[in-house]
């Protein structure tokens, strides 16, 4: 019996798709719920703010969570603080220079010390942080929550959710942001809290 070659190809692709559970999760949130929160605690002033321009793709397989990889991107111009003058300075050319460096990103290459607690996976995420065109190797703690069939409750379409949570710090002088300047008002250490959900529609 002769089987057309295109039929064989279709069958092969279908079997491969069904046998693997790795899926891609899109972190571009149309509801603008995804966000980061940052805090800088200097001797004279404490600066608190947030950013909601989150996007990126992460691949995840619940049977092989150690193979998780991807990239989370922040639109730098979405960073916000309550004081409009401070915000203008923060986004301007002397500090983040968002017109020249429009994005901040973290590329996840590998998970270390992975362990499962209920529906959560705890690990140290090894990757590369890029701020103001300076890229550094970083390891940050991460909690990954896989929510099978839960996308419908959030976006009214069938699919899965992947939630990433992390708290970590960066230092602005590591990224050549006004190194050693104005430390009495703008702390060198920036404490960051990340809470984002990615969608994988069926």
N, C-alpha and C. Protein backbone atom coordinates (compact mmCIF):
# COMPACT_ATOMS: atom_id res chain seq x y z
N UNK A 1 0.85 -1.19 0.00
CA UNK A 1 0.00 0.00 0.00
C UNK A 1 0.89 1.24 0.00
N UNK A 2 0.62 2.14 -0.91
CA UNK A 2 1.39 3.37 -1.00
C UNK A 2 0.71 4.47 -0.20
N UNK A 3 1.45 5.07 0.71
CA UNK A 3 0.92 6.17 1.52
C UNK A 3 1.59 7.45 1.07
N UNK A 4 0.80 8.46 0.65
CA UNK A 4 1.39 9.72 0.19
C UNK A 4 2.33 10.30 1.24
N UNK A 5 3.42 10.89 0.78
CA UNK A 5 4.44 11.42 1.68
C UNK A 5 3.90 12.49 2.61
N UNK A 6 2.97 13.34 2.11
CA UNK A 6 2.45 14.41 2.97
C UNK A 6 1.62 13.84 4.12
N UNK A 7 0.98 12.66 3.91
CA UNK A 7 0.24 12.01 4.98
C UNK A 7 1.17 11.54 6.08
N UNK A 8 2.32 10.99 5.68
CA UNK A 8 3.33 10.54 6.64
C UNK A 8 3.83 11.71 7.47
N UNK A 9 4.08 12.84 6.80
CA UNK A 9 4.57 14.04 7.49
C UNK A 9 3.56 14.52 8.51
N UNK A 10 2.28 14.57 8.12
CA UNK A 10 1.23 15.04 9.02
C UNK A 10 1.12 14.13 10.24
N UNK A 11 1.17 12.81 10.01
CA UNK A 11 1.09 11.86 11.12
C UNK A 11 2.27 12.01 12.07
N UNK A 12 3.46 12.21 11.50
CA UNK A 12 4.66 12.36 12.31
C UNK A 12 4.59 13.60 13.19
N UNK A 13 4.15 14.72 12.60
CA UNK A 13 4.03 15.97 13.35
C UNK A 13 2.99 15.83 14.45
N UNK A 14 1.86 15.17 14.13
CA UNK A 14 0.79 15.00 15.12
C UNK A 14 1.25 14.19 16.30
N UNK A 15 1.97 13.09 16.05
CA UNK A 15 2.47 12.25 17.14
C UNK A 15 3.46 13.01 17.99
N UNK A 16 4.34 13.78 17.35
CA UNK A 16 5.34 14.56 18.09
C UNK A 16 4.67 15.59 18.98
N UNK A 17 3.62 16.22 18.44
CA UNK A 17 2.92 17.25 19.21
C UNK A 17 2.23 16.65 20.43
N UNK A 18 1.59 15.49 20.24
CA UNK A 18 0.85 14.87 21.33
C UNK A 18 1.77 14.30 22.40
N UNK A 19 2.97 13.87 21.99
CA UNK A 19 3.85 13.20 22.94
C UNK A 19 4.62 14.18 23.81
N UNK A 20 4.73 15.41 23.40
CA UNK A 20 5.46 16.40 24.17
C UNK A 20 4.51 17.36 24.85
N UNK A 21 4.80 17.75 26.10
CA UNK A 21 3.93 18.66 26.85
C UNK A 21 4.55 20.04 26.98
N UNK A 22 5.69 20.27 26.34
CA UNK A 22 6.29 21.61 26.39
C UNK A 22 5.43 22.58 25.59
N UNK A 23 5.13 23.71 26.24
CA UNK A 23 4.32 24.72 25.57
C UNK A 23 4.93 26.09 25.81
N UNK A 24 4.58 27.00 24.93
CA UNK A 24 5.09 28.36 25.01
C UNK A 24 4.05 29.25 25.68
N UNK A 25 4.51 30.09 26.62
CA UNK A 25 3.62 30.98 27.37
C UNK A 25 3.95 32.43 27.04
N UNK A 26 2.92 33.17 26.66
CA UNK A 26 3.06 34.56 26.25
C UNK A 26 2.76 35.47 27.44
N UNK A 27 3.73 36.33 27.79
CA UNK A 27 3.58 37.20 28.96
C UNK A 27 3.12 38.61 28.60
N UNK A 28 2.70 38.81 27.36
CA UNK A 28 2.08 40.07 26.98
C UNK A 28 0.65 40.06 27.51
N UNK A 29 0.37 40.86 28.52
CA UNK A 29 -0.90 40.81 29.24
C UNK A 29 -1.81 41.94 28.78
N UNK A 30 -2.89 41.58 28.09
CA UNK A 30 -3.81 42.59 27.60
C UNK A 30 -4.55 43.31 28.73
N UNK A 31 -4.62 42.69 29.90
CA UNK A 31 -5.33 43.29 31.04
C UNK A 31 -4.42 44.20 31.86
N UNK A 32 -3.12 44.23 31.52
CA UNK A 32 -2.15 45.07 32.23
C UNK A 32 -2.10 44.77 33.73
N UNK A 33 -2.24 43.49 34.08
CA UNK A 33 -2.12 43.08 35.47
C UNK A 33 -0.67 42.75 35.81
N UNK A 34 0.07 42.19 34.85
CA UNK A 34 1.48 41.87 35.07
C UNK A 34 2.26 43.12 35.43
N UNK A 35 3.15 43.01 36.40
CA UNK A 35 3.91 44.19 36.79
C UNK A 35 5.16 43.82 37.57
N UNK A 36 6.05 44.78 37.66
CA UNK A 36 7.16 44.72 38.60
C UNK A 36 7.00 45.88 39.58
N UNK A 37 7.51 45.70 40.78
CA UNK A 37 7.55 46.76 41.79
C UNK A 37 9.00 46.94 42.21
N UNK A 38 9.46 48.18 42.30
CA UNK A 38 10.84 48.41 42.71
C UNK A 38 10.91 49.42 43.85
N UNK A 39 11.96 49.29 44.65
CA UNK A 39 12.17 50.19 45.78
C UNK A 39 13.65 50.52 45.91
N UNK A 40 13.93 51.78 46.18
CA UNK A 40 15.30 52.25 46.40
C UNK A 40 15.29 53.05 47.70
N UNK A 41 16.03 52.58 48.69
CA UNK A 41 15.97 53.18 50.03
C UNK A 41 17.30 53.86 50.35
N UNK A 42 17.38 55.15 50.02
CA UNK A 42 18.59 55.95 50.28
C UNK A 42 18.44 56.66 51.62
N UNK A 43 19.55 57.17 52.19
CA UNK A 43 19.48 57.84 53.50
C UNK A 43 18.48 58.98 53.57
N UNK A 44 18.38 59.77 52.50
CA UNK A 44 17.49 60.93 52.53
C UNK A 44 16.13 60.67 51.92
N UNK A 45 16.04 59.75 50.97
CA UNK A 45 14.77 59.52 50.27
C UNK A 45 14.56 58.05 49.96
N UNK A 46 13.31 57.64 50.00
CA UNK A 46 12.92 56.30 49.57
C UNK A 46 12.08 56.44 48.30
N UNK A 47 12.48 55.74 47.26
CA UNK A 47 11.78 55.81 45.98
C UNK A 47 11.09 54.48 45.73
N UNK A 48 9.79 54.56 45.47
CA UNK A 48 9.00 53.36 45.18
C UNK A 48 8.29 53.55 43.85
N UNK A 49 8.26 52.50 43.05
CA UNK A 49 7.60 52.61 41.76
C UNK A 49 7.22 51.26 41.19
N UNK A 50 6.70 51.30 39.98
CA UNK A 50 6.25 50.07 39.33
C UNK A 50 6.41 50.19 37.82
N UNK A 51 6.24 49.06 37.15
CA UNK A 51 6.26 49.03 35.69
C UNK A 51 5.34 47.94 35.20
N UNK A 52 4.51 48.24 34.19
CA UNK A 52 3.54 47.25 33.74
C UNK A 52 3.68 46.90 32.26
N UNK A 53 4.71 47.39 31.60
CA UNK A 53 4.90 47.08 30.18
C UNK A 53 5.65 45.77 30.00
N UNK A 54 5.02 44.67 30.42
CA UNK A 54 5.66 43.36 30.42
C UNK A 54 5.32 42.58 29.16
N UNK A 55 6.31 41.89 28.60
CA UNK A 55 6.09 40.96 27.50
C UNK A 55 7.13 39.85 27.61
N UNK A 56 7.14 38.95 26.63
CA UNK A 56 8.12 37.87 26.63
C UNK A 56 7.49 36.51 26.43
N UNK A 57 8.33 35.53 26.16
CA UNK A 57 7.89 34.15 25.96
C UNK A 57 8.73 33.22 26.82
N UNK A 58 8.08 32.24 27.43
CA UNK A 58 8.76 31.21 28.23
C UNK A 58 8.21 29.85 27.83
N UNK A 59 9.10 28.88 27.61
CA UNK A 59 8.67 27.51 27.34
C UNK A 59 8.76 26.69 28.62
N UNK A 60 7.72 25.88 28.85
CA UNK A 60 7.64 25.10 30.09
C UNK A 60 6.98 23.76 29.83
N UNK A 61 7.54 22.72 30.43
CA UNK A 61 7.00 21.37 30.36
C UNK A 61 6.85 20.87 31.80
N UNK A 62 5.63 20.62 32.29
CA UNK A 62 5.45 20.18 33.68
C UNK A 62 6.15 18.86 33.98
N UNK A 63 6.46 18.08 32.95
CA UNK A 63 7.19 16.83 33.17
C UNK A 63 8.70 17.02 33.14
N UNK A 64 9.14 18.17 32.59
CA UNK A 64 10.56 18.49 32.55
C UNK A 64 10.77 19.97 32.91
N UNK A 65 10.40 20.37 34.12
CA UNK A 65 10.51 21.79 34.49
C UNK A 65 11.94 22.31 34.45
N UNK A 66 12.92 21.40 34.58
CA UNK A 66 14.32 21.83 34.54
C UNK A 66 14.72 22.38 33.18
N UNK A 67 13.93 22.10 32.14
CA UNK A 67 14.23 22.58 30.79
C UNK A 67 13.60 23.94 30.50
N UNK A 68 12.99 24.57 31.49
CA UNK A 68 12.33 25.86 31.30
C UNK A 68 13.32 26.91 30.80
N UNK A 69 12.93 27.61 29.74
CA UNK A 69 13.76 28.68 29.17
C UNK A 69 12.85 29.80 28.67
N UNK A 70 13.44 30.97 28.48
CA UNK A 70 12.65 32.06 27.94
C UNK A 70 13.23 33.42 28.24
N UNK A 71 12.41 34.43 28.02
CA UNK A 71 12.86 35.81 28.18
C UNK A 71 11.68 36.67 28.62
N UNK A 72 11.90 37.47 29.66
CA UNK A 72 10.92 38.43 30.14
C UNK A 72 11.45 39.83 29.82
N UNK A 73 10.59 40.64 29.22
CA UNK A 73 10.99 41.97 28.76
C UNK A 73 10.11 43.04 29.41
N UNK A 74 10.74 44.11 29.84
CA UNK A 74 10.01 45.26 30.39
C UNK A 74 10.22 46.46 29.48
N UNK A 75 9.13 47.07 29.06
CA UNK A 75 9.21 48.35 28.35
C UNK A 75 9.62 49.41 29.37
N UNK A 76 10.84 49.91 29.25
CA UNK A 76 11.40 50.80 30.28
C UNK A 76 10.58 52.07 30.46
N UNK A 77 9.94 52.53 29.41
CA UNK A 77 9.16 53.76 29.52
C UNK A 77 7.88 53.57 30.34
N UNK A 78 7.53 52.30 30.65
CA UNK A 78 6.34 52.05 31.48
C UNK A 78 6.65 52.19 32.96
N UNK A 79 7.92 52.37 33.33
CA UNK A 79 8.27 52.55 34.73
C UNK A 79 7.66 53.85 35.26
N UNK A 80 7.11 53.78 36.46
CA UNK A 80 6.35 54.92 36.99
C UNK A 80 6.66 55.15 38.46
N UNK A 81 6.82 56.41 38.83
CA UNK A 81 6.86 56.84 40.22
C UNK A 81 5.86 57.97 40.39
N UNK A 82 5.44 58.21 41.63
CA UNK A 82 4.38 59.18 41.87
C UNK A 82 4.75 60.62 41.55
N UNK A 83 6.01 60.98 41.76
CA UNK A 83 6.46 62.36 41.52
C UNK A 83 6.78 62.53 40.04
N UNK A 84 6.05 63.39 39.32
CA UNK A 84 6.26 63.53 37.87
C UNK A 84 7.65 64.05 37.49
N UNK A 85 8.22 64.92 38.32
CA UNK A 85 9.56 65.43 38.03
C UNK A 85 10.59 64.32 38.19
N UNK A 86 10.45 63.54 39.26
CA UNK A 86 11.35 62.41 39.49
C UNK A 86 11.23 61.40 38.36
N UNK A 87 10.01 61.15 37.90
CA UNK A 87 9.80 60.21 36.80
C UNK A 87 10.51 60.70 35.53
N UNK A 88 10.39 61.98 35.24
CA UNK A 88 11.04 62.55 34.06
C UNK A 88 12.56 62.36 34.14
N UNK A 89 13.13 62.62 35.31
CA UNK A 89 14.58 62.44 35.48
C UNK A 89 14.96 60.97 35.36
N UNK A 90 14.17 60.08 35.96
CA UNK A 90 14.47 58.65 35.96
C UNK A 90 14.51 58.09 34.53
N UNK A 91 13.58 58.52 33.70
CA UNK A 91 13.50 58.01 32.33
C UNK A 91 14.41 58.75 31.36
N UNK A 92 14.97 59.89 31.82
CA UNK A 92 15.77 60.74 30.94
C UNK A 92 17.15 60.21 30.64
N UNK A 93 17.89 60.95 29.83
CA UNK A 93 19.17 60.48 29.29
C UNK A 93 20.26 60.34 30.35
N UNK A 94 20.14 61.04 31.49
CA UNK A 94 21.17 60.93 32.52
C UNK A 94 21.02 59.68 33.39
N UNK A 95 19.86 59.04 33.30
CA UNK A 95 19.63 57.85 34.13
C UNK A 95 19.31 56.64 33.25
N UNK A 96 18.06 56.28 33.07
CA UNK A 96 17.75 55.09 32.27
C UNK A 96 17.81 55.33 30.76
N UNK A 97 17.66 56.58 30.35
CA UNK A 97 17.74 56.94 28.92
C UNK A 97 16.88 55.99 28.08
N UNK A 98 15.57 55.99 28.35
CA UNK A 98 14.68 55.00 27.74
C UNK A 98 14.52 55.19 26.23
N UNK A 99 14.81 56.37 25.72
CA UNK A 99 14.75 56.54 24.27
C UNK A 99 15.88 55.78 23.58
N UNK A 100 17.04 55.72 24.23
CA UNK A 100 18.18 55.00 23.67
C UNK A 100 18.13 53.52 24.03
N UNK A 101 17.66 53.22 25.25
CA UNK A 101 17.59 51.83 25.73
C UNK A 101 16.13 51.53 26.12
N UNK A 102 15.29 51.21 25.17
CA UNK A 102 13.84 51.11 25.42
C UNK A 102 13.38 49.91 26.23
N UNK A 103 14.24 48.89 26.38
CA UNK A 103 13.79 47.70 27.11
C UNK A 103 14.80 47.26 28.16
N UNK A 104 14.28 46.59 29.17
CA UNK A 104 15.07 45.89 30.19
C UNK A 104 14.64 44.43 30.11
N UNK A 105 15.59 43.51 30.16
CA UNK A 105 15.21 42.11 29.96
C UNK A 105 16.01 41.15 30.82
N UNK A 106 15.40 40.00 31.06
CA UNK A 106 16.10 38.88 31.71
C UNK A 106 15.87 37.64 30.86
N UNK A 107 16.97 37.03 30.42
CA UNK A 107 16.91 35.81 29.62
C UNK A 107 17.24 34.62 30.50
N UNK A 108 16.28 33.72 30.65
CA UNK A 108 16.45 32.53 31.49
C UNK A 108 17.12 31.42 30.68
N UNK A 109 18.27 30.96 31.16
CA UNK A 109 19.01 29.90 30.48
C UNK A 109 18.90 28.55 31.17
N UNK A 110 18.81 28.55 32.51
CA UNK A 110 18.80 27.28 33.23
C UNK A 110 18.25 27.47 34.64
N UNK A 111 17.59 26.43 35.15
CA UNK A 111 17.12 26.42 36.53
C UNK A 111 18.01 25.53 37.38
N UNK A 112 18.43 26.05 38.55
CA UNK A 112 19.25 25.28 39.48
C UNK A 112 18.45 25.04 40.77
N UNK A 113 18.85 24.00 41.52
CA UNK A 113 18.26 23.71 42.83
C UNK A 113 16.73 23.62 42.76
N UNK A 114 16.25 22.98 41.72
CA UNK A 114 14.81 22.89 41.49
C UNK A 114 14.15 21.92 42.47
N UNK A 115 13.05 22.36 43.07
CA UNK A 115 12.27 21.47 43.92
C UNK A 115 10.79 21.82 43.80
N UNK A 116 9.94 20.82 43.99
CA UNK A 116 8.50 21.00 43.83
C UNK A 116 7.83 21.06 45.19
N UNK A 117 6.95 22.05 45.36
CA UNK A 117 6.15 22.19 46.57
C UNK A 117 4.70 22.40 46.16
N UNK A 118 3.91 21.32 46.19
CA UNK A 118 2.53 21.42 45.74
C UNK A 118 2.46 21.74 44.26
N UNK A 119 1.77 22.83 43.92
CA UNK A 119 1.68 23.23 42.52
C UNK A 119 2.81 24.17 42.12
N UNK A 120 3.73 24.44 43.04
CA UNK A 120 4.81 25.39 42.79
C UNK A 120 6.14 24.67 42.54
N UNK A 121 6.96 25.31 41.74
CA UNK A 121 8.34 24.88 41.53
C UNK A 121 9.25 26.00 42.01
N UNK A 122 10.15 25.70 42.94
CA UNK A 122 11.10 26.68 43.46
C UNK A 122 12.46 26.40 42.87
N UNK A 123 13.16 27.45 42.45
CA UNK A 123 14.47 27.25 41.81
C UNK A 123 15.26 28.55 41.82
N UNK A 124 16.54 28.43 41.48
CA UNK A 124 17.39 29.59 41.20
C UNK A 124 17.50 29.69 39.69
N UNK A 125 17.08 30.82 39.15
CA UNK A 125 17.08 31.03 37.71
C UNK A 125 18.40 31.65 37.27
N UNK A 126 19.15 30.92 36.47
CA UNK A 126 20.42 31.42 35.93
C UNK A 126 20.15 32.04 34.56
N UNK A 127 20.61 33.28 34.39
CA UNK A 127 20.36 33.94 33.11
C UNK A 127 21.14 35.22 32.97
N UNK A 128 20.71 36.04 32.02
CA UNK A 128 21.40 37.28 31.71
C UNK A 128 20.44 38.46 31.84
N UNK A 129 20.85 39.42 32.67
CA UNK A 129 20.09 40.64 32.87
C UNK A 129 20.67 41.74 31.99
N UNK A 130 19.80 42.40 31.23
CA UNK A 130 20.24 43.50 30.36
C UNK A 130 19.53 44.78 30.76
N UNK A 131 20.32 45.77 31.20
CA UNK A 131 19.81 47.09 31.54
C UNK A 131 20.75 48.13 30.93
N UNK A 132 20.19 49.07 30.22
CA UNK A 132 20.98 50.14 29.58
C UNK A 132 22.11 49.56 28.72
N UNK A 133 21.80 48.48 28.02
CA UNK A 133 22.74 47.84 27.09
C UNK A 133 23.94 47.20 27.78
N UNK A 134 23.86 47.02 29.10
CA UNK A 134 24.88 46.27 29.84
C UNK A 134 24.26 44.92 30.22
N UNK A 135 24.94 43.83 29.86
CA UNK A 135 24.42 42.49 30.12
C UNK A 135 25.30 41.78 31.14
N UNK A 136 24.68 41.30 32.22
CA UNK A 136 25.41 40.61 33.28
C UNK A 136 24.77 39.26 33.57
N UNK A 137 25.61 38.27 33.90
CA UNK A 137 25.10 36.99 34.37
C UNK A 137 24.51 37.17 35.76
N UNK A 138 23.32 36.64 35.98
CA UNK A 138 22.68 36.74 37.28
C UNK A 138 21.97 35.44 37.63
N UNK A 139 21.86 35.18 38.92
CA UNK A 139 21.08 34.06 39.42
C UNK A 139 20.08 34.63 40.41
N UNK A 140 18.80 34.44 40.13
CA UNK A 140 17.76 35.01 40.97
C UNK A 140 16.77 33.91 41.40
N UNK A 141 16.22 34.02 42.61
CA UNK A 141 15.24 33.02 43.06
C UNK A 141 13.93 33.20 42.30
N UNK A 142 13.27 32.09 41.99
CA UNK A 142 12.02 32.17 41.26
C UNK A 142 11.04 31.11 41.76
N UNK A 143 9.77 31.47 41.80
CA UNK A 143 8.70 30.52 42.07
C UNK A 143 7.85 30.42 40.81
N UNK A 144 7.74 29.20 40.28
CA UNK A 144 6.97 28.95 39.07
C UNK A 144 5.71 28.18 39.46
N UNK A 145 4.56 28.70 39.05
CA UNK A 145 3.29 28.04 39.34
C UNK A 145 2.61 27.67 38.03
N UNK A 146 2.40 26.37 37.84
CA UNK A 146 1.75 25.87 36.62
C UNK A 146 0.28 25.65 36.91
N UNK A 147 -0.59 26.36 36.17
CA UNK A 147 -2.03 26.29 36.39
C UNK A 147 -2.70 25.72 35.14
N UNK A 148 -2.85 24.42 35.13
CA UNK A 148 -3.43 23.74 33.99
C UNK A 148 -4.92 24.07 33.85
N UNK A 149 -5.33 24.39 32.61
CA UNK A 149 -6.73 24.66 32.27
C UNK A 149 -7.32 25.86 33.02
N UNK A 150 -6.48 26.76 33.50
CA UNK A 150 -6.97 27.90 34.27
C UNK A 150 -7.07 29.20 33.47
N UNK A 151 -6.61 29.18 32.21
CA UNK A 151 -6.63 30.40 31.41
C UNK A 151 -8.06 30.89 31.20
N UNK A 152 -9.00 29.96 31.09
CA UNK A 152 -10.39 30.33 30.83
C UNK A 152 -10.96 31.21 31.94
N UNK A 153 -10.51 30.99 33.17
CA UNK A 153 -11.01 31.79 34.29
C UNK A 153 -10.44 33.20 34.29
N UNK A 154 -9.34 33.38 33.56
CA UNK A 154 -8.69 34.70 33.51
C UNK A 154 -9.03 35.44 32.23
N UNK A 155 -8.93 34.74 31.09
CA UNK A 155 -9.09 35.40 29.79
C UNK A 155 -10.25 34.87 28.96
N UNK A 156 -11.03 33.95 29.53
CA UNK A 156 -12.21 33.40 28.86
C UNK A 156 -11.88 32.63 27.58
N UNK A 157 -10.69 32.07 27.53
CA UNK A 157 -10.31 31.15 26.45
C UNK A 157 -9.65 29.95 27.10
N UNK A 158 -9.79 28.79 26.46
CA UNK A 158 -9.22 27.57 27.04
C UNK A 158 -7.70 27.59 26.93
N UNK A 159 -7.05 27.05 27.95
CA UNK A 159 -5.59 26.98 27.94
C UNK A 159 -5.02 26.96 29.34
N UNK A 160 -3.70 27.05 29.41
CA UNK A 160 -2.98 26.98 30.68
C UNK A 160 -2.35 28.32 31.03
N UNK A 161 -2.05 28.49 32.31
CA UNK A 161 -1.34 29.67 32.81
C UNK A 161 -0.03 29.26 33.45
N UNK A 162 0.97 30.12 33.33
CA UNK A 162 2.25 29.93 34.02
C UNK A 162 2.56 31.23 34.75
N UNK A 163 2.67 31.15 36.07
CA UNK A 163 2.91 32.35 36.88
C UNK A 163 4.34 32.33 37.40
N UNK A 164 5.05 33.43 37.21
CA UNK A 164 6.42 33.59 37.69
C UNK A 164 6.44 34.66 38.77
N UNK A 165 7.06 34.32 39.91
CA UNK A 165 7.23 35.29 41.00
C UNK A 165 8.69 35.30 41.43
N UNK A 166 9.21 36.48 41.69
CA UNK A 166 10.61 36.57 42.11
C UNK A 166 10.84 37.86 42.87
N UNK A 167 11.76 37.80 43.85
CA UNK A 167 12.24 38.99 44.55
C UNK A 167 13.76 38.95 44.52
N UNK A 168 14.35 40.02 44.00
CA UNK A 168 15.80 40.07 43.85
C UNK A 168 16.26 41.52 43.83
N UNK A 169 17.56 41.72 43.81
CA UNK A 169 18.12 43.08 43.80
C UNK A 169 19.16 43.23 42.70
N UNK A 170 19.26 44.43 42.17
CA UNK A 170 20.35 44.80 41.27
C UNK A 170 20.98 46.08 41.80
N UNK A 171 22.19 46.36 41.36
CA UNK A 171 22.87 47.60 41.74
C UNK A 171 23.08 48.44 40.49
N UNK A 172 22.70 49.71 40.60
CA UNK A 172 22.74 50.55 39.41
C UNK A 172 24.16 50.78 38.91
N UNK A 173 25.16 50.76 39.81
CA UNK A 173 26.52 50.98 39.31
C UNK A 173 27.02 49.78 38.50
N UNK A 174 26.42 48.58 38.71
CA UNK A 174 26.78 47.43 37.88
C UNK A 174 26.36 47.64 36.43
N UNK A 175 25.38 48.53 36.22
CA UNK A 175 24.88 48.78 34.87
C UNK A 175 25.21 50.20 34.40
N UNK A 176 26.22 50.79 35.04
CA UNK A 176 26.73 52.11 34.65
C UNK A 176 25.65 53.20 34.67
N UNK A 177 24.77 53.13 35.67
CA UNK A 177 23.73 54.14 35.81
C UNK A 177 24.16 55.12 36.90
N UNK A 178 24.73 56.24 36.49
CA UNK A 178 25.18 57.28 37.43
C UNK A 178 26.00 56.67 38.57
N UNK A 179 27.03 55.95 38.21
CA UNK A 179 27.87 55.25 39.19
C UNK A 179 28.40 56.19 40.27
N UNK A 180 28.11 55.88 41.53
CA UNK A 180 28.62 56.66 42.65
C UNK A 180 27.99 58.02 42.84
N UNK A 181 26.98 58.36 42.03
CA UNK A 181 26.39 59.69 42.09
C UNK A 181 25.10 59.71 42.91
N UNK A 182 24.91 60.80 43.65
CA UNK A 182 23.66 61.10 44.36
C UNK A 182 23.19 59.95 45.27
N UNK A 183 24.14 59.27 45.90
CA UNK A 183 23.80 58.11 46.73
C UNK A 183 22.99 58.48 47.96
N UNK A 184 23.07 59.75 48.39
CA UNK A 184 22.30 60.15 49.56
C UNK A 184 20.80 60.21 49.25
N UNK A 185 20.46 60.39 47.96
CA UNK A 185 19.05 60.48 47.57
C UNK A 185 18.57 59.31 46.71
N UNK A 186 19.49 58.70 45.96
CA UNK A 186 19.12 57.59 45.06
C UNK A 186 20.00 56.40 45.41
N UNK A 187 19.44 55.42 46.06
CA UNK A 187 20.22 54.26 46.52
C UNK A 187 20.85 53.51 45.36
N UNK A 188 22.00 52.91 45.64
CA UNK A 188 22.65 52.09 44.62
C UNK A 188 21.88 50.79 44.41
N UNK A 189 21.37 50.22 45.49
CA UNK A 189 20.65 48.95 45.39
C UNK A 189 19.19 49.18 45.04
N UNK A 190 18.71 48.41 44.07
CA UNK A 190 17.31 48.47 43.66
C UNK A 190 16.67 47.12 43.97
N UNK A 191 15.70 47.12 44.88
CA UNK A 191 14.99 45.89 45.24
C UNK A 191 13.78 45.73 44.32
N UNK A 192 13.66 44.56 43.72
CA UNK A 192 12.65 44.33 42.69
C UNK A 192 11.78 43.14 43.06
N UNK A 193 10.48 43.30 42.86
CA UNK A 193 9.52 42.22 43.03
C UNK A 193 8.78 42.01 41.71
N UNK A 194 8.80 40.78 41.23
CA UNK A 194 8.20 40.44 39.93
C UNK A 194 7.04 39.48 40.15
N UNK A 195 5.91 39.76 39.52
CA UNK A 195 4.74 38.87 39.60
C UNK A 195 4.04 38.93 38.25
N UNK A 196 4.24 37.91 37.41
CA UNK A 196 3.71 37.94 36.05
C UNK A 196 3.11 36.59 35.68
N UNK A 197 2.10 36.62 34.83
CA UNK A 197 1.44 35.40 34.37
C UNK A 197 1.51 35.32 32.85
N UNK A 198 1.86 34.15 32.35
CA UNK A 198 1.91 33.91 30.91
C UNK A 198 0.79 32.98 30.48
N UNK A 199 0.27 33.20 29.28
CA UNK A 199 -0.86 32.44 28.77
C UNK A 199 -0.45 31.53 27.63
N UNK A 200 -1.03 30.32 27.64
CA UNK A 200 -0.83 29.38 26.54
C UNK A 200 -2.19 28.85 26.10
N UNK A 201 -2.85 29.56 25.16
CA UNK A 201 -4.18 29.12 24.71
C UNK A 201 -4.11 27.80 23.96
N UNK A 202 -5.18 27.03 24.04
CA UNK A 202 -5.27 25.78 23.29
C UNK A 202 -5.68 26.05 21.85
